[in-house]
Amino acid sequence: QSCEASLKRLGVDAIDLYQIHRFDPSVPIEETLAALDTLVQQGKVRY
C-alpha cells in the first residue's frame, strides 16, 4: 500500500530504489522480502 501511495505522490510509474527505512522485528523477514520482490516483479520498483 505504501509503495502504491508513493508512486502516486511522486508521479512516476516505478521507483528506482525502494528502501526499508528501518528493520522491523515484528514481521517475519520472509514476508517483508517476498513483498518487496513482488513489487520488483510487478515493475513498480526497480531495485
All heavy atoms as atom14 arrays in JSON, in Angstrom:
{
  "sequence": "QSCEASLKRLGVDAIDLYQIHRFDPSVPIEETLAALDTLVQQGKVRY",
  "atom14_mask": [
    [1, 1, 1, 1, 1, 1, 1, 1, 1, 0, 0, 0, 0, 0],
    [1, 1, 1, 1, 1, 1, 0, 0, 0, 0, 0, 0, 0, 0],
    [1, 1, 1, 1, 1, 1, 0, 0, 0, 0, 0, 0, 0, 0],
    [1, 1, 1, 1, 1, 1, 1, 1, 1, 0, 0, 0, 0, 0],
    [1, 1, 1, 1, 1, 0, 0, 0, 0, 0, 0, 0, 0, 0],
    [1, 1, 1, 1, 1, 1, 0, 0, 0, 0, 0, 0, 0, 0],
    [1, 1, 1, 1, 1, 1, 1, 1, 0, 0, 0, 0, 0, 0],
    [1, 1, 1, 1, 1, 1, 1, 1, 1, 0, 0, 0, 0, 0],
    [1, 1, 1, 1, 1, 1, 1, 1, 1, 1, 1, 0, 0, 0],
    [1, 1, 1, 1, 1, 1, 1, 1, 0, 0, 0, 0, 0, 0],
    [1, 1, 1, 1, 0, 0, 0, 0, 0, 0, 0, 0, 0, 0],
    [1, 1, 1, 1, 1, 1, 1, 0, 0, 0, 0, 0, 0, 0],
    [1, 1, 1, 1, 1, 1, 1, 1, 0, 0, 0, 0, 0, 0],
    [1, 1, 1, 1, 1, 0, 0, 0, 0, 0, 0, 0, 0, 0],
    [1, 1, 1, 1, 1, 1, 1, 1, 0, 0, 0, 0, 0, 0],
    [1, 1, 1, 1, 1, 1, 1, 1, 0, 0, 0, 0, 0, 0],
    [1, 1, 1, 1, 1, 1, 1, 1, 0, 0, 0, 0, 0, 0],
    [1, 1, 1, 1, 1, 1, 1, 1, 1, 1, 1, 1, 0, 0],
    [1, 1, 1, 1, 1, 1, 1, 1, 1, 0, 0, 0, 0, 0],
    [1, 1, 1, 1, 1, 1, 1, 1, 0, 0, 0, 0, 0, 0],
    [1, 1, 1, 1, 1, 1, 1, 1, 1, 1, 0, 0, 0, 0],
    [1, 1, 1, 1, 1, 1, 1, 1, 1, 1, 1, 0, 0, 0],
    [1, 1, 1, 1, 1, 1, 1, 1, 1, 1, 1, 0, 0, 0],
    [1, 1, 1, 1, 1, 1, 1, 1, 0, 0, 0, 0, 0, 0],
    [1, 1, 1, 1, 1, 1, 1, 0, 0, 0, 0, 0, 0, 0],
    [1, 1, 1, 1, 1, 1, 0, 0, 0, 0, 0, 0, 0, 0],
    [1, 1, 1, 1, 1, 1, 1, 0, 0, 0, 0, 0, 0, 0],
    [1, 1, 1, 1, 1, 1, 1, 0, 0, 0, 0, 0, 0, 0],
    [1, 1, 1, 1, 1, 1, 1, 1, 0, 0, 0, 0, 0, 0],
    [1, 1, 1, 1, 1, 1, 1, 1, 1, 0, 0, 0, 0, 0],
    [1, 1, 1, 1, 1, 1, 1, 1, 1, 0, 0, 0, 0, 0],
    [1, 1, 1, 1, 1, 1, 1, 0, 0, 0, 0, 0, 0, 0],
    [1, 1, 1, 1, 1, 1, 1, 1, 0, 0, 0, 0, 0, 0],
    [1, 1, 1, 1, 1, 0, 0, 0, 0, 0, 0, 0, 0, 0],
    [1, 1, 1, 1, 1, 0, 0, 0, 0, 0, 0, 0, 0, 0],
    [1, 1, 1, 1, 1, 1, 1, 1, 0, 0, 0, 0, 0, 0],
    [1, 1, 1, 1, 1, 1, 1, 1, 0, 0, 0, 0, 0, 0],
    [1, 1, 1, 1, 1, 1, 1, 0, 0, 0, 0, 0, 0, 0],
    [1, 1, 1, 1, 1, 1, 1, 1, 0, 0, 0, 0, 0, 0],
    [1, 1, 1, 1, 1, 1, 1, 0, 0, 0, 0, 0, 0, 0],
    [1, 1, 1, 1, 1, 1, 1, 1, 1, 0, 0, 0, 0, 0],
    [1, 1, 1, 1, 1, 1, 1, 1, 1, 0, 0, 0, 0, 0],
    [1, 1, 1, 1, 0, 0, 0, 0, 0, 0, 0, 0, 0, 0],
    [1, 1, 1, 1, 1, 1, 1, 1, 1, 0, 0, 0, 0, 0],
    [1, 1, 1, 1, 1, 1, 1, 0, 0, 0, 0, 0, 0, 0],
    [1, 1, 1, 1, 1, 1, 1, 1, 1, 1, 1, 0, 0, 0],
    [1, 1, 1, 1, 1, 1, 1, 1, 1, 1, 1, 1, 0, 0]
  ],
  "atom14_positions": [
    [[0.82, -1.21, 0.0], [0.0, 0.0, 0.0], [0.86, 1.26, 0.0], [0.54, 2.23, -0.7], [-0.92, 0.0, 1.23], [-2.04, -1.02, 1.16], [-2.97, -0.98, 2.35], [-4.05, -1.55, 2.32], [-2.55, -0.31, 3.41], [0.0, 0.0, 0.0], [0.0, 0.0, 0.0], [0.0, 0.0, 0.0], [0.0, 0.0, 0.0], [0.0, 0.0, 0.0]],
    [[1.95, 1.24, 0.78], [2.82, 2.42, 0.86], [3.5, 2.69, -0.46], [3.65, 3.85, -0.87], [3.85, 2.23, 1.97], [3.23, 2.17, 3.24], [0.0, 0.0, 0.0], [0.0, 0.0, 0.0], [0.0, 0.0, 0.0], [0.0, 0.0, 0.0], [0.0, 0.0, 0.0], [0.0, 0.0, 0.0], [0.0, 0.0, 0.0], [0.0, 0.0, 0.0]],
    [[3.93, 1.64, -1.13], [4.58, 1.82, -2.43], [3.62, 2.42, -3.44], [3.97, 3.36, -4.17], [5.12, 0.49, -2.94], [5.92, 0.61, -4.56], [0.0, 0.0, 0.0], [0.0, 0.0, 0.0], [0.0, 0.0, 0.0], [0.0, 0.0, 0.0], [0.0, 0.0, 0.0], [0.0, 0.0, 0.0], [0.0, 0.0, 0.0], [0.0, 0.0, 0.0]],
    [[2.41, 1.91, -3.48], [1.43, 2.43, -4.43], [1.1, 3.89, -4.14], [0.94, 4.7, -5.07], [0.17, 1.57, -4.39], [0.41, 0.16, -4.94], [-0.75, -0.79, -4.74], [-1.66, -0.44, -3.94], [-0.76, -1.86, -5.37], [0.0, 0.0, 0.0], [0.0, 0.0, 0.0], [0.0, 0.0, 0.0], [0.0, 0.0, 0.0], [0.0, 0.0, 0.0]],
    [[1.05, 4.25, -2.86], [0.8, 5.65, -2.49], [1.98, 6.53, -2.87], [1.8, 7.66, -3.35], [0.52, 5.75, -0.99], [0.0, 0.0, 0.0], [0.0, 0.0, 0.0], [0.0, 0.0, 0.0], [0.0, 0.0, 0.0], [0.0, 0.0, 0.0], [0.0, 0.0, 0.0], [0.0, 0.0, 0.0], [0.0, 0.0, 0.0], [0.0, 0.0, 0.0]],
    [[3.2, 6.03, -2.67], [4.39, 6.8, -3.03], [4.46, 7.03, -4.53], [4.85, 8.11, -4.99], [5.66, 6.09, -2.54], [5.78, 6.17, -1.13], [0.0, 0.0, 0.0], [0.0, 0.0, 0.0], [0.0, 0.0, 0.0], [0.0, 0.0, 0.0], [0.0, 0.0, 0.0], [0.0, 0.0, 0.0], [0.0, 0.0, 0.0], [0.0, 0.0, 0.0]],
    [[4.13, 6.01, -5.31], [4.14, 6.16, -6.77], [3.2, 7.28, -7.21], [3.55, 8.09, -8.09], [3.72, 4.84, -7.43], [4.75, 3.71, -7.4], [4.1, 2.4, -7.83], [5.94, 4.03, -8.29], [0.0, 0.0, 0.0], [0.0, 0.0, 0.0], [0.0, 0.0, 0.0], [0.0, 0.0, 0.0], [0.0, 0.0, 0.0], [0.0, 0.0, 0.0]],
    [[2.05, 7.36, -6.6], [1.09, 8.42, -6.95], [1.64, 9.79, -6.56], [1.53, 10.75, -7.33], [-0.25, 8.15, -6.26], [-1.0, 6.95, -6.8], [-2.32, 6.75, -6.06], [-3.05, 5.51, -6.58], [-4.32, 5.27, -5.83], [0.0, 0.0, 0.0], [0.0, 0.0, 0.0], [0.0, 0.0, 0.0], [0.0, 0.0, 0.0], [0.0, 0.0, 0.0]],
    [[2.21, 9.88, -5.36], [2.73, 11.18, -4.92], [3.91, 11.62, -5.77], [4.06, 12.8, -6.09], [3.12, 11.11, -3.44], [1.93, 11.07, -2.49], [2.37, 11.26, -1.05], [3.13, 10.11, -0.57], [2.62, 9.11, 0.14], [1.33, 9.1, 0.44], [3.39, 8.12, 0.57], [0.0, 0.0, 0.0], [0.0, 0.0, 0.0], [0.0, 0.0, 0.0]],
    [[4.78, 10.68, -6.13], [5.94, 11.01, -6.95], [5.57, 11.25, -8.41], [6.32, 11.9, -9.15], [6.97, 9.88, -6.86], [7.67, 9.72, -5.51], [8.38, 8.36, -5.45], [8.67, 10.86, -5.28], [0.0, 0.0, 0.0], [0.0, 0.0, 0.0], [0.0, 0.0, 0.0], [0.0, 0.0, 0.0], [0.0, 0.0, 0.0], [0.0, 0.0, 0.0]],
    [[4.45, 10.7, -8.84], [4.01, 10.86, -10.22], [4.84, 10.08, -11.21], [5.06, 10.51, -12.35], [0.0, 0.0, 0.0], [0.0, 0.0, 0.0], [0.0, 0.0, 0.0], [0.0, 0.0, 0.0], [0.0, 0.0, 0.0], [0.0, 0.0, 0.0], [0.0, 0.0, 0.0], [0.0, 0.0, 0.0], [0.0, 0.0, 0.0], [0.0, 0.0, 0.0]],
    [[5.29, 8.88, -10.8], [6.1, 8.04, -11.68], [5.49, 6.63, -11.74], [4.67, 6.26, -10.91], [7.57, 7.95, -11.18], [8.23, 9.31, -11.24], [7.63, 7.38, -9.76], [0.0, 0.0, 0.0], [0.0, 0.0, 0.0], [0.0, 0.0, 0.0], [0.0, 0.0, 0.0], [0.0, 0.0, 0.0], [0.0, 0.0, 0.0], [0.0, 0.0, 0.0]],
    [[5.93, 5.87, -12.73], [5.43, 4.5, -12.88], [6.21, 3.51, -12.03], [5.71, 2.43, -11.7], [5.52, 4.07, -14.35], [4.61, 4.89, -15.25], [3.52, 5.28, -14.78], [5.0, 5.17, -16.4], [0.0, 0.0, 0.0], [0.0, 0.0, 0.0], [0.0, 0.0, 0.0], [0.0, 0.0, 0.0], [0.0, 0.0, 0.0], [0.0, 0.0, 0.0]],
    [[7.47, 3.86, -11.71], [8.31, 2.95, -10.93], [9.29, 3.77, -10.08], [9.75, 4.83, -10.49], [9.08, 2.0, -11.84], [0.0, 0.0, 0.0], [0.0, 0.0, 0.0], [0.0, 0.0, 0.0], [0.0, 0.0, 0.0], [0.0, 0.0, 0.0], [0.0, 0.0, 0.0], [0.0, 0.0, 0.0], [0.0, 0.0, 0.0], [0.0, 0.0, 0.0]],
    [[9.58, 3.24, -8.89], [10.58, 3.84, -8.01], [11.89, 3.1, -8.26], [11.95, 1.88, -8.18], [10.16, 3.72, -6.54], [8.87, 4.5, -6.28], [11.27, 4.22, -5.61], [8.26, 4.27, -4.92], [0.0, 0.0, 0.0], [0.0, 0.0, 0.0], [0.0, 0.0, 0.0], [0.0, 0.0, 0.0], [0.0, 0.0, 0.0], [0.0, 0.0, 0.0]],
    [[12.95, 3.84, -8.57], [14.22, 3.2, -8.91], [14.82, 2.43, -7.74], [15.31, 1.31, -7.91], [15.23, 4.25, -9.4], [14.78, 4.9, -10.69], [14.47, 4.15, -11.64], [14.73, 6.14, -10.75], [0.0, 0.0, 0.0], [0.0, 0.0, 0.0], [0.0, 0.0, 0.0], [0.0, 0.0, 0.0], [0.0, 0.0, 0.0], [0.0, 0.0, 0.0]],
    [[14.8, 3.03, -6.56], [15.35, 2.39, -5.36], [14.36, 2.53, -4.22], [14.15, 3.63, -3.7], [16.7, 3.02, -4.99], [17.37, 2.47, -3.73], [17.75, 1.0, -3.91], [18.62, 3.29, -3.38], [0.0, 0.0, 0.0], [0.0, 0.0, 0.0], [0.0, 0.0, 0.0], [0.0, 0.0, 0.0], [0.0, 0.0, 0.0], [0.0, 0.0, 0.0]],
    [[13.75, 1.42, -3.82], [12.76, 1.44, -2.74], [13.41, 0.8, -1.51], [13.81, -0.37, -1.54], [11.52, 0.67, -3.15], [10.29, 0.98, -2.31], [9.93, 2.29, -2.02], [9.47, -0.04, -1.85], [8.8, 2.58, -1.28], [8.32, 0.23, -1.11], [8.0, 1.54, -0.82], [6.88, 1.82, -0.08], [0.0, 0.0, 0.0], [0.0, 0.0, 0.0]],
    [[13.5, 1.57, -0.43], [14.26, 1.15, 0.73], [13.39, 0.93, 1.97], [12.43, 1.68, 2.18], [15.31, 2.23, 1.06], [16.23, 2.57, -0.1], [16.79, 3.97, 0.03], [17.94, 4.15, 0.42], [16.0, 4.98, -0.33], [0.0, 0.0, 0.0], [0.0, 0.0, 0.0], [0.0, 0.0, 0.0], [0.0, 0.0, 0.0], [0.0, 0.0, 0.0]],
    [[13.75, -0.07, 2.75], [13.11, -0.21, 4.06], [13.83, 0.77, 5.0], [15.04, 0.72, 5.16], [13.15, -1.66, 4.57], [14.58, -2.2, 4.66], [12.3, -2.56, 3.69], [14.68, -3.54, 5.37], [0.0, 0.0, 0.0], [0.0, 0.0, 0.0], [0.0, 0.0, 0.0], [0.0, 0.0, 0.0], [0.0, 0.0, 0.0], [0.0, 0.0, 0.0]],
    [[13.06, 1.66, 5.61], [13.63, 2.77, 6.37], [14.28, 2.29, 7.68], [15.18, 2.95, 8.21], [12.53, 3.8, 6.66], [13.03, 5.2, 6.7], [12.23, 6.29, 6.43], [14.25, 5.72, 6.95], [12.92, 7.4, 6.54], [14.14, 7.09, 6.86], [0.0, 0.0, 0.0], [0.0, 0.0, 0.0], [0.0, 0.0, 0.0], [0.0, 0.0, 0.0]],
    [[13.81, 1.19, 8.2], [14.38, 0.56, 9.39], [14.08, -0.94, 9.33], [13.3, -1.4, 8.5], [13.78, 1.15, 10.69], [14.19, 2.58, 11.0], [15.66, 2.72, 11.29], [16.02, 4.07, 11.71], [16.35, 5.06, 10.9], [16.32, 4.86, 9.58], [16.69, 6.25, 11.37], [0.0, 0.0, 0.0], [0.0, 0.0, 0.0], [0.0, 0.0, 0.0]],
    [[14.7, -1.7, 10.22], [14.41, -3.13, 10.36], [13.18, -3.28, 11.23], [13.01, -2.56, 12.22], [15.61, -3.83, 11.0], [15.45, -5.31, 11.15], [15.7, -6.16, 10.09], [15.04, -5.86, 12.37], [15.55, -7.54, 10.23], [14.9, -7.22, 12.51], [15.16, -8.07, 11.44], [0.0, 0.0, 0.0], [0.0, 0.0, 0.0], [0.0, 0.0, 0.0]],
    [[12.3, -4.21, 10.87], [11.06, -4.43, 11.63], [11.1, -5.82, 12.25], [10.82, -6.82, 11.58], [9.85, -4.29, 10.71], [8.54, -4.31, 11.49], [8.56, -4.64, 12.69], [7.49, -4.0, 10.89], [0.0, 0.0, 0.0], [0.0, 0.0, 0.0], [0.0, 0.0, 0.0], [0.0, 0.0, 0.0], [0.0, 0.0, 0.0], [0.0, 0.0, 0.0]],
    [[11.41, -5.92, 13.55], [11.5, -7.23, 14.2], [10.15, -7.9, 14.42], [10.09, -9.08, 14.76], [12.17, -6.91, 15.53], [11.77, -5.49, 15.82], [11.72, -4.81, 14.48], [0.0, 0.0, 0.0], [0.0, 0.0, 0.0], [0.0, 0.0, 0.0], [0.0, 0.0, 0.0], [0.0, 0.0, 0.0], [0.0, 0.0, 0.0], [0.0, 0.0, 0.0]],
    [[9.06, -7.16, 14.22], [7.73, -7.73, 14.48], [7.15, -8.47, 13.28], [6.08, -9.07, 13.39], [6.76, -6.6, 14.9], [6.51, -5.72, 13.82], [0.0, 0.0, 0.0], [0.0, 0.0, 0.0], [0.0, 0.0, 0.0], [0.0, 0.0, 0.0], [0.0, 0.0, 0.0], [0.0, 0.0, 0.0], [0.0, 0.0, 0.0], [0.0, 0.0, 0.0]],
    [[7.83, -8.4, 12.13], [7.33, -9.04, 10.91], [8.36, -10.07, 10.44], [9.56, -9.78, 10.43], [7.09, -7.99, 9.8], [6.66, -8.67, 8.51], [6.05, -6.97, 10.24], [0.0, 0.0, 0.0], [0.0, 0.0, 0.0], [0.0, 0.0, 0.0], [0.0, 0.0, 0.0], [0.0, 0.0, 0.0], [0.0, 0.0, 0.0], [0.0, 0.0, 0.0]],
    [[7.92, -11.27, 10.08], [8.88, -12.26, 9.55], [9.65, -11.7, 8.36], [9.08, -11.05, 7.48], [7.98, -13.43, 9.13], [6.75, -13.29, 9.97], [6.54, -11.82, 10.14], [0.0, 0.0, 0.0], [0.0, 0.0, 0.0], [0.0, 0.0, 0.0], [0.0, 0.0, 0.0], [0.0, 0.0, 0.0], [0.0, 0.0, 0.0], [0.0, 0.0, 0.0]],
    [[10.95, -11.94, 8.36], [11.8, -11.46, 7.27], [11.27, -11.94, 5.92], [11.28, -11.2, 4.93], [13.25, -11.92, 7.49], [13.88, -11.12, 8.65], [14.08, -11.75, 6.22], [15.27, -11.6, 9.02], [0.0, 0.0, 0.0], [0.0, 0.0, 0.0], [0.0, 0.0, 0.0], [0.0, 0.0, 0.0], [0.0, 0.0, 0.0], [0.0, 0.0, 0.0]],
    [[10.82, -13.19, 5.88], [10.32, -13.74, 4.62], [9.14, -12.94, 4.07], [9.02, -12.75, 2.85], [9.9, -15.2, 4.82], [11.05, -16.17, 5.06], [11.57, -16.14, 6.49], [10.99, -15.41, 7.33], [12.55, -16.85, 6.77], [0.0, 0.0, 0.0], [0.0, 0.0, 0.0], [0.0, 0.0, 0.0], [0.0, 0.0, 0.0], [0.0, 0.0, 0.0]],
    [[8.26, -12.49, 4.95], [7.1, -11.71, 4.5], [7.55, -10.38, 3.89], [7.07, -9.97, 2.83], [6.14, -11.45, 5.66], [4.94, -10.6, 5.26], [3.96, -10.38, 6.4], [4.03, -11.11, 7.4], [3.12, -9.46, 6.29], [0.0, 0.0, 0.0], [0.0, 0.0, 0.0], [0.0, 0.0, 0.0], [0.0, 0.0, 0.0], [0.0, 0.0, 0.0]],
    [[8.46, -9.7, 4.57], [8.97, -8.41, 4.08], [9.65, -8.56, 2.73], [9.36, -7.82, 1.77], [9.96, -7.81, 5.1], [9.26, -7.49, 6.3], [10.63, -6.57, 4.54], [0.0, 0.0, 0.0], [0.0, 0.0, 0.0], [0.0, 0.0, 0.0], [0.0, 0.0, 0.0], [0.0, 0.0, 0.0], [0.0, 0.0, 0.0], [0.0, 0.0, 0.0]],
    [[10.54, -9.53, 2.62], [11.31, -9.69, 1.38], [10.44, -10.2, 0.23], [10.65, -9.81, -0.92], [12.48, -10.63, 1.62], [13.55, -10.09, 2.58], [14.58, -11.15, 2.91], [14.23, -8.85, 2.0], [0.0, 0.0, 0.0], [0.0, 0.0, 0.0], [0.0, 0.0, 0.0], [0.0, 0.0, 0.0], [0.0, 0.0, 0.0], [0.0, 0.0, 0.0]],
    [[9.47, -11.04, 0.52], [8.56, -11.52, -0.53], [7.72, -10.36, -1.07], [7.47, -10.27, -2.28], [7.66, -12.62, 0.01], [0.0, 0.0, 0.0], [0.0, 0.0, 0.0], [0.0, 0.0, 0.0], [0.0, 0.0, 0.0], [0.0, 0.0, 0.0], [0.0, 0.0, 0.0], [0.0, 0.0, 0.0], [0.0, 0.0, 0.0], [0.0, 0.0, 0.0]],
    [[7.31, -9.46, -0.18], [6.53, -8.3, -0.61], [7.36, -7.38, -1.5], [6.89, -6.88, -2.53], [6.0, -7.54, 0.6], [0.0, 0.0, 0.0], [0.0, 0.0, 0.0], [0.0, 0.0, 0.0], [0.0, 0.0, 0.0], [0.0, 0.0, 0.0], [0.0, 0.0, 0.0], [0.0, 0.0, 0.0], [0.0, 0.0, 0.0], [0.0, 0.0, 0.0]],
    [[8.61, -7.16, -1.11], [9.5, -6.32, -1.91], [9.76, -6.96, -3.27], [9.8, -6.28, -4.31], [10.81, -6.07, -1.17], [10.71, -5.22, 0.1], [12.02, -5.25, 0.86], [10.33, -3.77, -0.25], [0.0, 0.0, 0.0], [0.0, 0.0, 0.0], [0.0, 0.0, 0.0], [0.0, 0.0, 0.0], [0.0, 0.0, 0.0], [0.0, 0.0, 0.0]],
    [[9.95, -8.28, -3.27], [10.17, -8.98, -4.54], [8.93, -8.88, -5.44], [9.05, -8.73, -6.66], [10.5, -10.45, -4.27], [10.81, -11.21, -5.54], [11.87, -10.96, -6.14], [9.98, -12.04, -5.96], [0.0, 0.0, 0.0], [0.0, 0.0, 0.0], [0.0, 0.0, 0.0], [0.0, 0.0, 0.0], [0.0, 0.0, 0.0], [0.0, 0.0, 0.0]],
    [[7.76, -8.94, -4.85], [6.52, -8.78, -5.62], [6.51, -7.44, -6.34], [6.14, -7.35, -7.52], [5.29, -8.9, -4.69], [5.23, -10.21, -4.15], [4.0, -8.6, -5.46], [0.0, 0.0, 0.0], [0.0, 0.0, 0.0], [0.0, 0.0, 0.0], [0.0, 0.0, 0.0], [0.0, 0.0, 0.0], [0.0, 0.0, 0.0], [0.0, 0.0, 0.0]],
    [[6.91, -6.38, -5.63], [6.94, -5.05, -6.24], [7.92, -4.99, -7.4], [7.66, -4.35, -8.42], [7.31, -4.0, -5.19], [6.28, -3.76, -4.08], [6.85, -2.8, -3.04], [4.99, -3.2, -4.66], [0.0, 0.0, 0.0], [0.0, 0.0, 0.0], [0.0, 0.0, 0.0], [0.0, 0.0, 0.0], [0.0, 0.0, 0.0], [0.0, 0.0, 0.0]],
    [[9.06, -5.67, -7.24], [10.04, -5.72, -8.34], [9.47, -6.47, -9.53], [9.57, -6.02, -10.68], [11.35, -6.37, -7.86], [12.31, -6.58, -9.04], [12.02, -5.52, -6.79], [0.0, 0.0, 0.0], [0.0, 0.0, 0.0], [0.0, 0.0, 0.0], [0.0, 0.0, 0.0], [0.0, 0.0, 0.0], [0.0, 0.0, 0.0], [0.0, 0.0, 0.0]],
    [[8.84, -7.62, -9.26], [8.27, -8.42, -10.35], [7.14, -7.68, -11.06], [6.94, -7.85, -12.27], [7.77, -9.76, -9.8], [8.84, -10.63, -9.17], [10.01, -10.89, -10.11], [9.82, -11.11, -11.31], [11.22, -10.86, -9.57], [0.0, 0.0, 0.0], [0.0, 0.0, 0.0], [0.0, 0.0, 0.0], [0.0, 0.0, 0.0], [0.0, 0.0, 0.0]],
    [[6.42, -6.85, -10.32], [5.33, -6.08, -10.92], [5.82, -4.85, -11.68], [5.04, -4.19, -12.37], [4.35, -5.63, -9.83], [3.55, -6.76, -9.2], [2.69, -6.28, -8.05], [2.9, -5.2, -7.48], [1.69, -7.08, -7.7], [0.0, 0.0, 0.0], [0.0, 0.0, 0.0], [0.0, 0.0, 0.0], [0.0, 0.0, 0.0], [0.0, 0.0, 0.0]],
    [[7.1, -4.53, -11.56], [7.66, -3.36, -12.23], [7.41, -2.06, -11.52], [7.69, -0.98, -12.07], [0.0, 0.0, 0.0], [0.0, 0.0, 0.0], [0.0, 0.0, 0.0], [0.0, 0.0, 0.0], [0.0, 0.0, 0.0], [0.0, 0.0, 0.0], [0.0, 0.0, 0.0], [0.0, 0.0, 0.0], [0.0, 0.0, 0.0], [0.0, 0.0, 0.0]],
    [[6.9, -2.12, -10.3], [6.67, -0.89, -9.54], [7.94, -0.39, -8.87], [8.05, 0.78, -8.52], [5.58, -1.13, -8.49], [4.22, -1.46, -9.08], [3.21, -1.77, -8.0], [1.85, -2.11, -8.61], [0.85, -2.48, -7.57], [0.0, 0.0, 0.0], [0.0, 0.0, 0.0], [0.0, 0.0, 0.0], [0.0, 0.0, 0.0], [0.0, 0.0, 0.0]],
    [[8.89, -1.29, -8.67], [10.17, -0.98, -8.04], [11.26, -1.63, -8.88], [11.11, -2.78, -9.31], [10.21, -1.51, -6.59], [11.61, -1.46, -6.02], [9.24, -0.73, -5.72], [0.0, 0.0, 0.0], [0.0, 0.0, 0.0], [0.0, 0.0, 0.0], [0.0, 0.0, 0.0], [0.0, 0.0, 0.0], [0.0, 0.0, 0.0], [0.0, 0.0, 0.0]],
    [[12.36, -0.92, -9.09], [13.45, -1.48, -9.91], [14.53, -2.14, -9.06], [15.08, -3.17, -9.43], [14.04, -0.38, -10.79], [13.03, 0.14, -11.82], [13.68, 0.99, -12.89], [12.72, 1.29, -13.96], [12.05, 2.43, -14.05], [12.25, 3.38, -13.16], [11.18, 2.62, -15.03], [0.0, 0.0, 0.0], [0.0, 0.0, 0.0], [0.0, 0.0, 0.0]],
    [[14.86, -1.53, -7.93], [15.85, -2.1, -7.01], [15.36, -1.86, -5.59], [14.56, -0.96, -5.33], [17.23, -1.45, -7.19], [17.84, -1.64, -8.54], [17.64, -0.69, -9.55], [18.61, -2.76, -8.84], [18.18, -0.86, -10.81], [19.18, -2.94, -10.1], [18.96, -1.98, -11.08], [19.52, -2.15, -12.32], [0.0, 0.0, 0.0], [0.0, 0.0, 0.0]]
  ]
}
